[in-house]
Amino acid sequence: MAVRIRFARHGLRNRPMFHIVAMNARSKRDGKPLEKLGTYNPHPNMEEKAKHITLDFARTKYWLGVGAQPSDGVRFLLERAGLLPPQPLYPNVKRSAEPVSREAHSK
């Protein structure tokens, strides 16, 4: 069974709130999760001017350790939280070890 860590949408129309869940990759977006790992509210609170994220670090590390794959949005949050290393912006571009000088291109 392939497990994904992804968002499940809740809240009102035009005011979504997301649960960060571990669930079977083939199930529906708002289907029954295997486990709820946290919440994410993308709308900042007017007094604090901050978005709210709650996350159970121990359980998230467990699911990542057993092979669960995060979705792109959840991957961004996990990178910001320090649970995953940052991913390169262009993973398929091969970079050479030494920089290329301008003289080499002008010849």
PDB file of N, CA and C in Angstrom:
ATOM      1  N   MET A   1       0.846  -1.175   0.000  1.00  0.00           N
ATOM      2  CA  MET A   1       0.000   0.000   0.000  1.00  0.00           C
ATOM      3  C   MET A   1       0.888   1.235   0.000  1.00  0.00           C
ATOM      4  N   ALA A   2       0.681   2.116  -0.977  1.00  0.00           N
ATOM      5  CA  ALA A   2       1.432   3.361  -1.070  1.00  0.00           C
ATOM      6  C   ALA A   2       0.775   4.415  -0.184  1.00  0.00           C
ATOM      7  N   VAL A   3       1.571   5.004   0.691  1.00  0.00           N
ATOM      8  CA  VAL A   3       1.051   6.007   1.624  1.00  0.00           C
ATOM      9  C   VAL A   3       1.581   7.372   1.222  1.00  0.00           C
ATOM     10  N   ARG A   4       0.688   8.361   1.218  1.00  0.00           N
ATOM     11  CA  ARG A   4       1.054   9.742   0.924  1.00  0.00           C
ATOM     12  C   ARG A   4       0.727  10.601   2.131  1.00  0.00           C
ATOM     13  N   ILE A   5       1.555  11.596   2.363  1.00  0.00           N
ATOM     14  CA  ILE A   5       1.250  12.627   3.351  1.00  0.00           C
ATOM     15  C   ILE A   5       0.760  13.809   2.547  1.00  0.00           C
ATOM     16  N   ARG A   6      -0.494  14.192   2.757  1.00  0.00           N
ATOM     17  CA  ARG A   6      -1.083  15.248   1.937  1.00  0.00           C
ATOM     18  C   ARG A   6      -2.121  16.023   2.720  1.00  0.00           C
ATOM     19  N   PHE A   7      -2.720  17.010   2.048  1.00  0.00           N
ATOM     20  CA  PHE A   7      -3.744  17.849   2.660  1.00  0.00           C
ATOM     21  C   PHE A   7      -5.125  17.229   2.467  1.00  0.00           C
ATOM     22  N   ALA A   8      -5.984  17.394   3.469  1.00  0.00           N
ATOM     23  CA  ALA A   8      -7.409  17.091   3.347  1.00  0.00           C
ATOM     24  C   ALA A   8      -8.121  18.410   3.634  1.00  0.00           C
ATOM     25  N   ARG A   9      -8.936  18.867   2.700  1.00  0.00           N
ATOM     26  CA  ARG A   9      -9.544  20.192   2.814  1.00  0.00           C
ATOM     27  C   ARG A   9     -10.759  20.155   3.729  1.00  0.00           C
ATOM     28  N   HIS A  10     -10.813  21.143   4.629  1.00  0.00           N
ATOM     29  CA  HIS A  10     -11.948  21.347   5.520  1.00  0.00           C
ATOM     30  C   HIS A  10     -12.213  22.837   5.585  1.00  0.00           C
ATOM     31  N   GLY A  11     -13.209  23.239   6.329  1.00  0.00           N
ATOM     32  CA  GLY A  11     -13.504  24.657   6.489  1.00  0.00           C
ATOM     33  C   GLY A  11     -14.645  25.101   5.610  1.00  0.00           C
ATOM     34  N   LEU A  12     -14.795  26.401   5.500  1.00  0.00           N
ATOM     35  CA  LEU A  12     -15.887  26.996   4.741  1.00  0.00           C
ATOM     36  C   LEU A  12     -15.470  27.285   3.310  1.00  0.00           C
ATOM     37  N   ARG A  13     -16.461  27.601   2.503  1.00  0.00           N
ATOM     38  CA  ARG A  13     -16.163  28.012   1.138  1.00  0.00           C
ATOM     39  C   ARG A  13     -15.399  29.331   1.193  1.00  0.00           C
ATOM     40  N   ASN A  14     -14.351  29.452   0.415  1.00  0.00           N
ATOM     41  CA  ASN A  14     -13.450  30.598   0.364  1.00  0.00           C
ATOM     42  C   ASN A  14     -12.661  30.806   1.650  1.00  0.00           C
ATOM     43  N   ARG A  15     -12.763  29.952   2.621  1.00  0.00           N
ATOM     44  CA  ARG A  15     -11.968  29.999   3.856  1.00  0.00           C
ATOM     45  C   ARG A  15     -11.501  28.590   4.201  1.00  0.00           C
ATOM     46  N   PRO A  16     -10.658  27.983   3.366  1.00  0.00           N
ATOM     47  CA  PRO A  16     -10.281  26.597   3.628  1.00  0.00           C
ATOM     48  C   PRO A  16      -9.323  26.475   4.809  1.00  0.00           C
ATOM     49  N   MET A  17      -9.367  25.330   5.421  1.00  0.00           N
ATOM     50  CA  MET A  17      -8.414  24.926   6.443  1.00  0.00           C
ATOM     51  C   MET A  17      -8.048  23.497   6.091  1.00  0.00           C
ATOM     52  N   PHE A  18      -6.801  23.141   6.201  1.00  0.00           N
ATOM     53  CA  PHE A  18      -6.347  21.841   5.745  1.00  0.00           C
ATOM     54  C   PHE A  18      -5.858  21.007   6.916  1.00  0.00           C
ATOM     55  N   HIS A  19      -6.184  19.725   6.901  1.00  0.00           N
ATOM     56  CA  HIS A  19      -5.592  18.766   7.812  1.00  0.00           C
ATOM     57  C   HIS A  19      -4.442  18.110   7.064  1.00  0.00           C
ATOM     58  N   ILE A  20      -3.313  17.945   7.727  1.00  0.00           N
ATOM     59  CA  ILE A  20      -2.186  17.227   7.150  1.00  0.00           C
ATOM     60  C   ILE A  20      -2.344  15.783   7.594  1.00  0.00           C
ATOM     61  N   VAL A  21      -2.534  14.879   6.627  1.00  0.00           N
ATOM     62  CA  VAL A  21      -2.890  13.502   6.947  1.00  0.00           C
ATOM     63  C   VAL A  21      -1.991  12.522   6.204  1.00  0.00           C
ATOM     64  N   ALA A  22      -1.872  11.335   6.763  1.00  0.00           N
ATOM     65  CA  ALA A  22      -1.243  10.201   6.085  1.00  0.00           C
ATOM     66  C   ALA A  22      -2.375   9.306   5.615  1.00  0.00           C
ATOM     67  N   MET A  23      -2.430   9.050   4.315  1.00  0.00           N
ATOM     68  CA  MET A  23      -3.506   8.224   3.782  1.00  0.00           C
ATOM     69  C   MET A  23      -3.045   7.446   2.564  1.00  0.00           C
ATOM     70  N   ASN A  24      -3.828   6.447   2.227  1.00  0.00           N
ATOM     71  CA  ASN A  24      -3.570   5.634   1.054  1.00  0.00           C
ATOM     72  C   ASN A  24      -3.575   6.543  -0.173  1.00  0.00           C
ATOM     73  N   ALA A  25      -2.605   6.376  -1.057  1.00  0.00           N
ATOM     74  CA  ALA A  25      -2.471   7.245  -2.221  1.00  0.00           C
ATOM     75  C   ALA A  25      -3.660   7.141  -3.167  1.00  0.00           C
ATOM     76  N   ARG A  26      -4.387   6.036  -3.136  1.00  0.00           N
ATOM     77  CA  ARG A  26      -5.506   5.843  -4.069  1.00  0.00           C
ATOM     78  C   ARG A  26      -6.835   6.345  -3.526  1.00  0.00           C
ATOM     79  N   SER A  27      -6.867   6.790  -2.281  1.00  0.00           N
ATOM     80  CA  SER A  27      -8.134   7.225  -1.705  1.00  0.00           C
ATOM     81  C   SER A  27      -8.440   8.675  -2.096  1.00  0.00           C
ATOM     82  N   LYS A  28      -9.688   9.090  -1.860  1.00  0.00           N
ATOM     83  CA  LYS A  28     -10.130  10.431  -2.206  1.00  0.00           C
ATOM     84  C   LYS A  28      -9.433  11.477  -1.335  1.00  0.00           C
ATOM     85  N   ARG A  29      -9.458  12.719  -1.799  1.00  0.00           N
ATOM     86  CA  ARG A  29      -8.801  13.797  -1.071  1.00  0.00           C
ATOM     87  C   ARG A  29      -9.335  13.940   0.348  1.00  0.00           C
ATOM     88  N   ASP A  30     -10.646  13.862   0.512  1.00  0.00           N
ATOM     89  CA  ASP A  30     -11.256  14.028   1.823  1.00  0.00           C
ATOM     90  C   ASP A  30     -11.726  12.699   2.405  1.00  0.00           C
ATOM     91  N   GLY A  31     -11.150  11.594   1.941  1.00  0.00           N
ATOM     92  CA  GLY A  31     -11.512  10.282   2.463  1.00  0.00           C
ATOM     93  C   GLY A  31     -10.960  10.063   3.862  1.00  0.00           C
ATOM     94  N   LYS A  32     -11.205   8.879   4.388  1.00  0.00           N
ATOM     95  CA  LYS A  32     -10.767   8.571   5.749  1.00  0.00           C
ATOM     96  C   LYS A  32      -9.250   8.380   5.778  1.00  0.00           C
ATOM     97  N   PRO A  33      -8.544   9.162   6.594  1.00  0.00           N
ATOM     98  CA  PRO A  33      -7.085   9.038   6.649  1.00  0.00           C
ATOM     99  C   PRO A  33      -6.644   7.898   7.553  1.00  0.00           C
ATOM    100  N   LEU A  34      -5.409   7.465   7.354  1.00  0.00           N
ATOM    101  CA  LEU A  34      -4.805   6.505   8.272  1.00  0.00           C
ATOM    102  C   LEU A  34      -4.497   7.189   9.604  1.00  0.00           C
ATOM    103  N   GLU A  35      -4.015   8.441   9.517  1.00  0.00           N
ATOM    104  CA  GLU A  35      -3.682   9.191  10.728  1.00  0.00           C
ATOM    105  C   GLU A  35      -3.638  10.678  10.412  1.00  0.00           C
ATOM    106  N   LYS A  36      -4.138  11.494  11.328  1.00  0.00           N
ATOM    107  CA  LYS A  36      -4.063  12.949  11.209  1.00  0.00           C
ATOM    108  C   LYS A  36      -2.763  13.402  11.868  1.00  0.00           C
ATOM    109  N   LEU A  37      -1.939  14.131  11.109  1.00  0.00           N
ATOM    110  CA  LEU A  37      -0.627  14.549  11.595  1.00  0.00           C
ATOM    111  C   LEU A  37      -0.580  16.002  12.028  1.00  0.00           C
ATOM    112  N   GLY A  38      -1.510  16.818  11.560  1.00  0.00           N
ATOM    113  CA  GLY A  38      -1.496  18.223  11.940  1.00  0.00           C
ATOM    114  C   GLY A  38      -2.520  19.005  11.157  1.00  0.00           C
ATOM    115  N   THR A  39      -2.476  20.329  11.312  1.00  0.00           N
ATOM    116  CA  THR A  39      -3.381  21.229  10.597  1.00  0.00           C
ATOM    117  C   THR A  39      -2.587  22.371   9.995  1.00  0.00           C
ATOM    118  N   TYR A  40      -3.176  23.000   8.974  1.00  0.00           N
ATOM    119  CA  TYR A  40      -2.579  24.160   8.318  1.00  0.00           C
ATOM    120  C   TYR A  40      -3.694  25.114   7.952  1.00  0.00           C
ATOM    121  N   ASN A  41      -3.604  26.336   8.456  1.00  0.00           N
ATOM    122  CA  ASN A  41      -4.575  27.377   8.135  1.00  0.00           C
ATOM    123  C   ASN A  41      -3.857  28.418   7.285  1.00  0.00           C
ATOM    124  N   PRO A  42      -4.130  28.479   5.963  1.00  0.00           N
ATOM    125  CA  PRO A  42      -3.383  29.381   5.083  1.00  0.00           C
ATOM    126  C   PRO A  42      -3.779  30.843   5.190  1.00  0.00           C
ATOM    127  N   HIS A  43      -4.898  31.141   5.875  1.00  0.00           N
ATOM    128  CA  HIS A  43      -5.333  32.529   6.015  1.00  0.00           C
ATOM    129  C   HIS A  43      -4.770  33.104   7.305  1.00  0.00           C
ATOM    130  N   PRO A  44      -3.988  34.185   7.194  1.00  0.00           N
ATOM    131  CA  PRO A  44      -3.376  34.727   8.408  1.00  0.00           C
ATOM    132  C   PRO A  44      -4.411  35.324   9.348  1.00  0.00           C
ATOM    133  N   ASN A  45      -4.145  35.186  10.639  1.00  0.00           N
ATOM    134  CA  ASN A  45      -4.969  35.792  11.667  1.00  0.00           C
ATOM    135  C   ASN A  45      -4.736  37.295  11.620  1.00  0.00           C
ATOM    136  N   MET A  46      -5.790  38.111  11.669  1.00  0.00           N
ATOM    137  CA  MET A  46      -5.647  39.556  11.506  1.00  0.00           C
ATOM    138  C   MET A  46      -4.845  40.197  12.636  1.00  0.00           C
ATOM    139  N   GLU A  47      -4.973  39.681  13.859  1.00  0.00           N
ATOM    140  CA  GLU A  47      -4.218  40.269  14.958  1.00  0.00           C
ATOM    141  C   GLU A  47      -2.738  39.899  14.889  1.00  0.00           C
ATOM    142  N   GLU A  48      -2.464  38.631  14.612  1.00  0.00           N
ATOM    143  CA  GLU A  48      -1.084  38.145  14.636  1.00  0.00           C
ATOM    144  C   GLU A  48      -0.390  38.248  13.286  1.00  0.00           C
ATOM    145  N   LYS A  49      -1.145  38.332  12.209  1.00  0.00           N
ATOM    146  CA  LYS A  49      -0.613  38.370  10.840  1.00  0.00           C
ATOM    147  C   LYS A  49       0.293  37.166  10.563  1.00  0.00           C
ATOM    148  N   ALA A  50      -0.122  35.985  11.037  1.00  0.00           N
ATOM    149  CA  ALA A  50       0.683  34.781  10.845  1.00  0.00           C
ATOM    150  C   ALA A  50      -0.220  33.608  10.494  1.00  0.00           C
ATOM    151  N   LYS A  51       0.286  32.733   9.631  1.00  0.00           N
ATOM    152  CA  LYS A  51      -0.417  31.509   9.298  1.00  0.00           C
ATOM    153  C   LYS A  51      -0.145  30.492  10.388  1.00  0.00           C
ATOM    154  N   HIS A  52      -1.120  29.639  10.685  1.00  0.00           N
ATOM    155  CA  HIS A  52      -0.970  28.685  11.773  1.00  0.00           C
ATOM    156  C   HIS A  52      -0.763  27.280  11.243  1.00  0.00           C
ATOM    157  N   ILE A  53       0.295  26.643  11.737  1.00  0.00           N
ATOM    158  CA  ILE A  53       0.599  25.268  11.377  1.00  0.00           C
ATOM    159  C   ILE A  53       0.840  24.497  12.668  1.00  0.00           C
ATOM    160  N   THR A  54       0.149  23.371  12.813  1.00  0.00           N
ATOM    161  CA  THR A  54       0.449  22.458  13.916  1.00  0.00           C
ATOM    162  C   THR A  54       0.862  21.140  13.280  1.00  0.00           C
ATOM    163  N   LEU A  55       1.858  20.497  13.856  1.00  0.00           N
ATOM    164  CA  LEU A  55       2.386  19.278  13.270  1.00  0.00           C
ATOM    165  C   LEU A  55       2.943  18.387  14.374  1.00  0.00           C
ATOM    166  N   ASP A  56       2.600  17.118  14.319  1.00  0.00           N
ATOM    167  CA  ASP A  56       3.144  16.131  15.245  1.00  0.00           C
ATOM    168  C   ASP A  56       4.447  15.609  14.625  1.00  0.00           C
ATOM    169  N   PHE A  57       5.583  16.134  15.114  1.00  0.00           N
ATOM    170  CA  PHE A  57       6.879  15.816  14.519  1.00  0.00           C
ATOM    171  C   PHE A  57       7.219  14.331  14.620  1.00  0.00           C
ATOM    172  N   ALA A  58       6.942  13.726  15.757  1.00  0.00           N
ATOM    173  CA  ALA A  58       7.315  12.322  15.949  1.00  0.00           C
ATOM    174  C   ALA A  58       6.576  11.415  14.971  1.00  0.00           C
ATOM    175  N   ARG A  59       5.275  11.605  14.833  1.00  0.00           N
ATOM    176  CA  ARG A  59       4.494  10.755  13.926  1.00  0.00           C
ATOM    177  C   ARG A  59       4.829  11.059  12.466  1.00  0.00           C
ATOM    178  N   THR A  60       5.128  12.305  12.135  1.00  0.00           N
ATOM    179  CA  THR A  60       5.508  12.644  10.764  1.00  0.00           C
ATOM    180  C   THR A  60       6.842  11.981  10.417  1.00  0.00           C
ATOM    181  N   LYS A  61       7.798  12.019  11.341  1.00  0.00           N
ATOM    182  CA  LYS A  61       9.077  11.345  11.111  1.00  0.00           C
ATOM    183  C   LYS A  61       8.874   9.839  10.941  1.00  0.00           C
ATOM    184  N   TYR A  62       7.953   9.265  11.711  1.00  0.00           N
ATOM    185  CA  TYR A  62       7.669   7.841  11.575  1.00  0.00           C
ATOM    186  C   TYR A  62       7.165   7.526  10.171  1.00  0.00           C
ATOM    187  N   TRP A  63       6.172   8.278   9.695  1.00  0.00           N
ATOM    188  CA  TRP A  63       5.606   7.993   8.381  1.00  0.00           C
ATOM    189  C   TRP A  63       6.631   8.205   7.268  1.00  0.00           C
ATOM    190  N   LEU A  64       7.475   9.230   7.405  1.00  0.00           N
ATOM    191  CA  LEU A  64       8.536   9.429   6.416  1.00  0.00           C
ATOM    192  C   LEU A  64       9.539   8.280   6.476  1.00  0.00           C
ATOM    193  N   GLY A  65       9.798   7.768   7.672  1.00  0.00           N
ATOM    194  CA  GLY A  65      10.743   6.662   7.842  1.00  0.00           C
ATOM    195  C   GLY A  65      10.267   5.355   7.249  1.00  0.00           C
ATOM    196  N   VAL A  66       8.949   5.135   7.221  1.00  0.00           N
ATOM    197  CA  VAL A  66       8.437   3.886   6.644  1.00  0.00           C
ATOM    198  C   VAL A  66       8.123   4.026   5.152  1.00  0.00           C
ATOM    199  N   GLY A  67       8.466   5.189   4.555  1.00  0.00           N
ATOM    200  CA  GLY A  67       8.358   5.324   3.107  1.00  0.00           C
ATOM    201  C   GLY A  67       7.201   6.144   2.583  1.00  0.00           C
ATOM    202  N   ALA A  68       6.490   6.876   3.423  1.00  0.00           N
ATOM    203  CA  ALA A  68       5.394   7.718   2.935  1.00  0.00           C
ATOM    204  C   ALA A  68       5.969   8.880   2.128  1.00  0.00           C
ATOM    205  N   GLN A  69       5.333   9.182   1.003  1.00  0.00           N
ATOM    206  CA  GLN A  69       5.781  10.255   0.128  1.00  0.00           C
ATOM    207  C   GLN A  69       4.921  11.491   0.346  1.00  0.00           C
ATOM    208  N   PRO A  70       5.506  12.653   0.646  1.00  0.00           N
ATOM    209  CA  PRO A  70       4.703  13.863   0.820  1.00  0.00           C
ATOM    210  C   PRO A  70       4.307  14.465  -0.528  1.00  0.00           C
ATOM    211  N   SER A  71       3.152  15.121  -0.560  1.00  0.00           N
ATOM    212  CA  SER A  71       2.747  15.853  -1.755  1.00  0.00           C
ATOM    213  C   SER A  71       3.614  17.113  -1.858  1.00  0.00           C
ATOM    214  N   ASP A  72       3.516  17.835  -2.962  1.00  0.00           N
ATOM    215  CA  ASP A  72       4.368  19.010  -3.169  1.00  0.00           C
ATOM    216  C   ASP A  72       4.128  20.084  -2.106  1.00  0.00           C
ATOM    217  N   GLY A  73       2.861  20.365  -1.800  1.00  0.00           N
ATOM    218  CA  GLY A  73       2.551  21.381  -0.803  1.00  0.00           C
ATOM    219  C   GLY A  73       3.017  20.996   0.587  1.00  0.00           C
ATOM    220  N   VAL A  74       2.826  19.749   0.948  1.00  0.00           N
ATOM    221  CA  VAL A  74       3.263  19.271   2.259  1.00  0.00           C
ATOM    222  C   VAL A  74       4.789  19.209   2.306  1.00  0.00           C
ATOM    223  N   ARG A  75       5.426  18.848   1.192  1.00  0.00           N
ATOM    224  CA  ARG A  75       6.889  18.819   1.140  1.00  0.00           C
ATOM    225  C   ARG A  75       7.460  20.197   1.450  1.00  0.00           C
ATOM    226  N   PHE A  76       6.846  21.241   0.909  1.00  0.00           N
ATOM    227  CA  PHE A  76       7.303  22.609   1.167  1.00  0.00           C
ATOM    228  C   PHE A  76       7.222  22.921   2.663  1.00  0.00           C
ATOM    229  N   LEU A  77       6.110  22.562   3.305  1.00  0.00           N
ATOM    230  CA  LEU A  77       5.957  22.816   4.736  1.00  0.00           C
ATOM    231  C   LEU A  77       6.961  22.003   5.557  1.00  0.00           C
ATOM    232  N   LEU A  78       7.195  20.754   5.169  1.00  0.00           N
ATOM    233  CA  LEU A  78       8.134  19.917   5.907  1.00  0.00           C
ATOM    234  C   LEU A  78       9.576  20.398   5.735  1.00  0.00           C
ATOM    235  N   GLU A  79       9.895  20.948   4.570  1.00  0.00           N
ATOM    236  CA  GLU A  79      11.225  21.529   4.376  1.00  0.00           C
ATOM    237  C   GLU A  79      11.397  22.757   5.265  1.00  0.00           C
ATOM    238  N   ARG A  80      10.357  23.570   5.356  1.00  0.00           N
ATOM    239  CA  ARG A  80      10.419  24.766   6.205  1.00  0.00           C
ATOM    240  C   ARG A  80      10.502  24.397   7.682  1.00  0.00           C
ATOM    241  N   ALA A  81       9.895  23.272   8.072  1.00  0.00           N
ATOM    242  CA  ALA A  81       9.930  22.824   9.460  1.00  0.00           C
ATOM    243  C   ALA A  81      11.239  22.111   9.799  1.00  0.00           C
ATOM    244  N   GLY A  82      12.034  21.768   8.799  1.00  0.00           N
ATOM    245  CA  GLY A  82      13.312  21.116   9.034  1.00  0.00           C
ATOM    246  C   GLY A  82      13.241  19.596   9.074  1.00  0.00           C
ATOM    247  N   LEU A  83      12.117  19.013   8.685  1.00  0.00           N
ATOM    248  CA  LEU A  83      11.999  17.554   8.674  1.00  0.00           C
ATOM    249  C   LEU A  83      12.555  16.927   7.407  1.00  0.00           C
ATOM    250  N   LEU A  84      12.616  17.697   6.321  1.00  0.00           N
ATOM    251  CA  LEU A  84      13.167  17.207   5.055  1.00  0.00           C
ATOM    252  C   LEU A  84      14.249  18.164   4.582  1.00  0.00           C
ATOM    253  N   PRO A  85      15.284  17.658   3.903  1.00  0.00           N
ATOM    254  CA  PRO A  85      16.278  18.568   3.336  1.00  0.00           C
ATOM    255  C   PRO A  85      15.677  19.310   2.150  1.00  0.00           C
ATOM    256  N   PRO A  86      16.131  20.527   1.881  1.00  0.00           N
ATOM    257  CA  PRO A  86      15.595  21.267   0.730  1.00  0.00           C
ATOM    258  C   PRO A  86      15.900  20.554  -0.574  1.00  0.00           C
ATOM    259  N   GLN A  87      14.938  20.592  -1.475  1.00  0.00           N
ATOM    260  CA  GLN A  87      15.087  19.954  -2.776  1.00  0.00           C
ATOM    261  C   GLN A  87      15.583  20.989  -3.775  1.00  0.00           C
ATOM    262  N   PRO A  88      16.450  20.619  -4.723  1.00  0.00           N
ATOM    263  CA  PRO A  88      16.886  21.595  -5.724  1.00  0.00           C
ATOM    264  C   PRO A  88      15.716  22.037  -6.602  1.00  0.00           C
ATOM    265  N   LEU A  89      15.794  23.280  -7.098  1.00  0.00           N
ATOM    266  CA  LEU A  89      14.706  23.810  -7.917  1.00  0.00           C
ATOM    267  C   LEU A  89      14.566  23.069  -9.237  1.00  0.00           C
ATOM    268  N   TYR A  90      15.688  22.683  -9.833  1.00  0.00           N
ATOM    269  CA  TYR A  90      15.674  21.992 -11.117  1.00  0.00           C
ATOM    270  C   TYR A  90      16.422  20.673 -10.967  1.00  0.00           C
ATOM    271  N   PRO A  91      15.752  19.600 -10.535  1.00  0.00           N
ATOM    272  CA  PRO A  91      16.469  18.353 -10.238  1.00  0.00           C
ATOM    273  C   PRO A  91      17.025  17.638 -11.461  1.00  0.00           C
ATOM    274  N   ASN A  92      16.505  17.881 -12.657  1.00  0.00           N
ATOM    275  CA  ASN A  92      16.944  17.149 -13.843  1.00  0.00           C
ATOM    276  C   ASN A  92      18.083  17.835 -14.583  1.00  0.00           C
ATOM    277  N   VAL A  93      18.491  19.031 -14.145  1.00  0.00           N
ATOM    278  CA  VAL A  93      19.563  19.755 -14.808  1.00  0.00           C
ATOM    279  C   VAL A  93      20.898  19.285 -14.249  1.00  0.00           C
ATOM    280  N   LYS A  94      21.781  18.829 -15.125  1.00  0.00           N
ATOM    281  CA  LYS A  94      23.107  18.381 -14.710  1.00  0.00           C
ATOM    282  C   LYS A  94      24.017  19.598 -14.582  1.00  0.00           C
ATOM    283  N   ARG A  95      24.656  19.738 -13.454  1.00  0.00           N
ATOM    284  CA  ARG A  95      25.556  20.863 -13.214  1.00  0.00           C
ATOM    285  C   ARG A  95      26.995  20.342 -13.206  1.00  0.00           C
ATOM    286  N   SER A  96      27.899  21.101 -13.841  1.00  0.00           N
ATOM    287  CA  SER A  96      29.302  20.718 -13.820  1.00  0.00           C
ATOM    288  C   SER A  96      29.939  21.210 -12.522  1.00  0.00           C
ATOM    289  N   ALA A  97      30.998  20.580 -12.126  1.00  0.00           N
ATOM    290  CA  ALA A  97      31.652  20.913 -10.862  1.00  0.00           C
ATOM    291  C   ALA A  97      32.401  22.238 -10.940  1.00  0.00           C
ATOM    292  N   GLU A  98      32.975  22.556 -12.108  1.00  0.00           N
ATOM    293  CA  GLU A  98      33.734  23.791 -12.225  1.00  0.00           C
ATOM    294  C   GLU A  98      32.975  24.803 -13.085  1.00  0.00           C
ATOM    295  N   PRO A  99      33.028  26.085 -12.732  1.00  0.00           N
ATOM    296  CA  PRO A  99      32.309  27.102 -13.508  1.00  0.00           C
ATOM    297  C   PRO A  99      32.922  27.283 -14.887  1.00  0.00           C
ATOM    298  N   VAL A 100      32.108  27.684 -15.831  1.00  0.00           N
ATOM    299  CA  VAL A 100      32.548  27.896 -17.207  1.00  0.00           C
ATOM    300  C   VAL A 100      32.904  29.366 -17.361  1.00  0.00           C
ATOM    301  N   SER A 101      34.080  29.644 -17.955  1.00  0.00           N
ATOM    302  CA  SER A 101      34.497  31.040 -18.151  1.00  0.00           C
ATOM    303  C   SER A 101      33.847  31.614 -19.401  1.00  0.00           C
ATOM    304  N   ARG A 102      33.821  32.925 -19.500  1.00  0.00           N
ATOM    305  CA  ARG A 102      33.215  33.588 -20.659  1.00  0.00           C
ATOM    306  C   ARG A 102      34.044  33.396 -21.925  1.00  0.00           C
ATOM    307  N   GLU A 103      35.348  33.263 -21.774  1.00  0.00           N
ATOM    308  CA  GLU A 103      36.205  33.081 -22.949  1.00  0.00           C
ATOM    309  C   GLU A 103      35.894  31.782 -23.669  1.00  0.00           C
ATOM    310  N   ALA A 104      35.494  30.761 -22.932  1.00  0.00           N
ATOM    311  CA  ALA A 104      35.183  29.474 -23.550  1.00  0.00           C
ATOM    312  C   ALA A 104      33.946  29.559 -24.433  1.00  0.00           C
ATOM    313  N   HIS A 105      33.005  30.441 -24.103  1.00  0.00           N
ATOM    314  CA  HIS A 105      31.796  30.598 -24.918  1.00  0.00           C
ATOM    315  C   HIS A 105      32.014  31.502 -26.114  1.00  0.00           C
ATOM    316  N   SER A 106      32.950  32.446 -26.038  1.00  0.00           N
ATOM    317  CA  SER A 106      33.119  33.414 -27.118  1.00  0.00           C
ATOM    318  C   SER A 106      33.910  32.848 -28.285  1.00  0.00           C
ATOM    319  N   LYS A 107      34.611  31.734 -28.134  1.00  0.00           N
ATOM    320  CA  LYS A 107      35.425  31.168 -29.227  1.00  0.00           C
ATOM    321  C   LYS A 107      34.607  30.387 -30.192  1.00  0.00           C
TER     322      LYS A 107
END
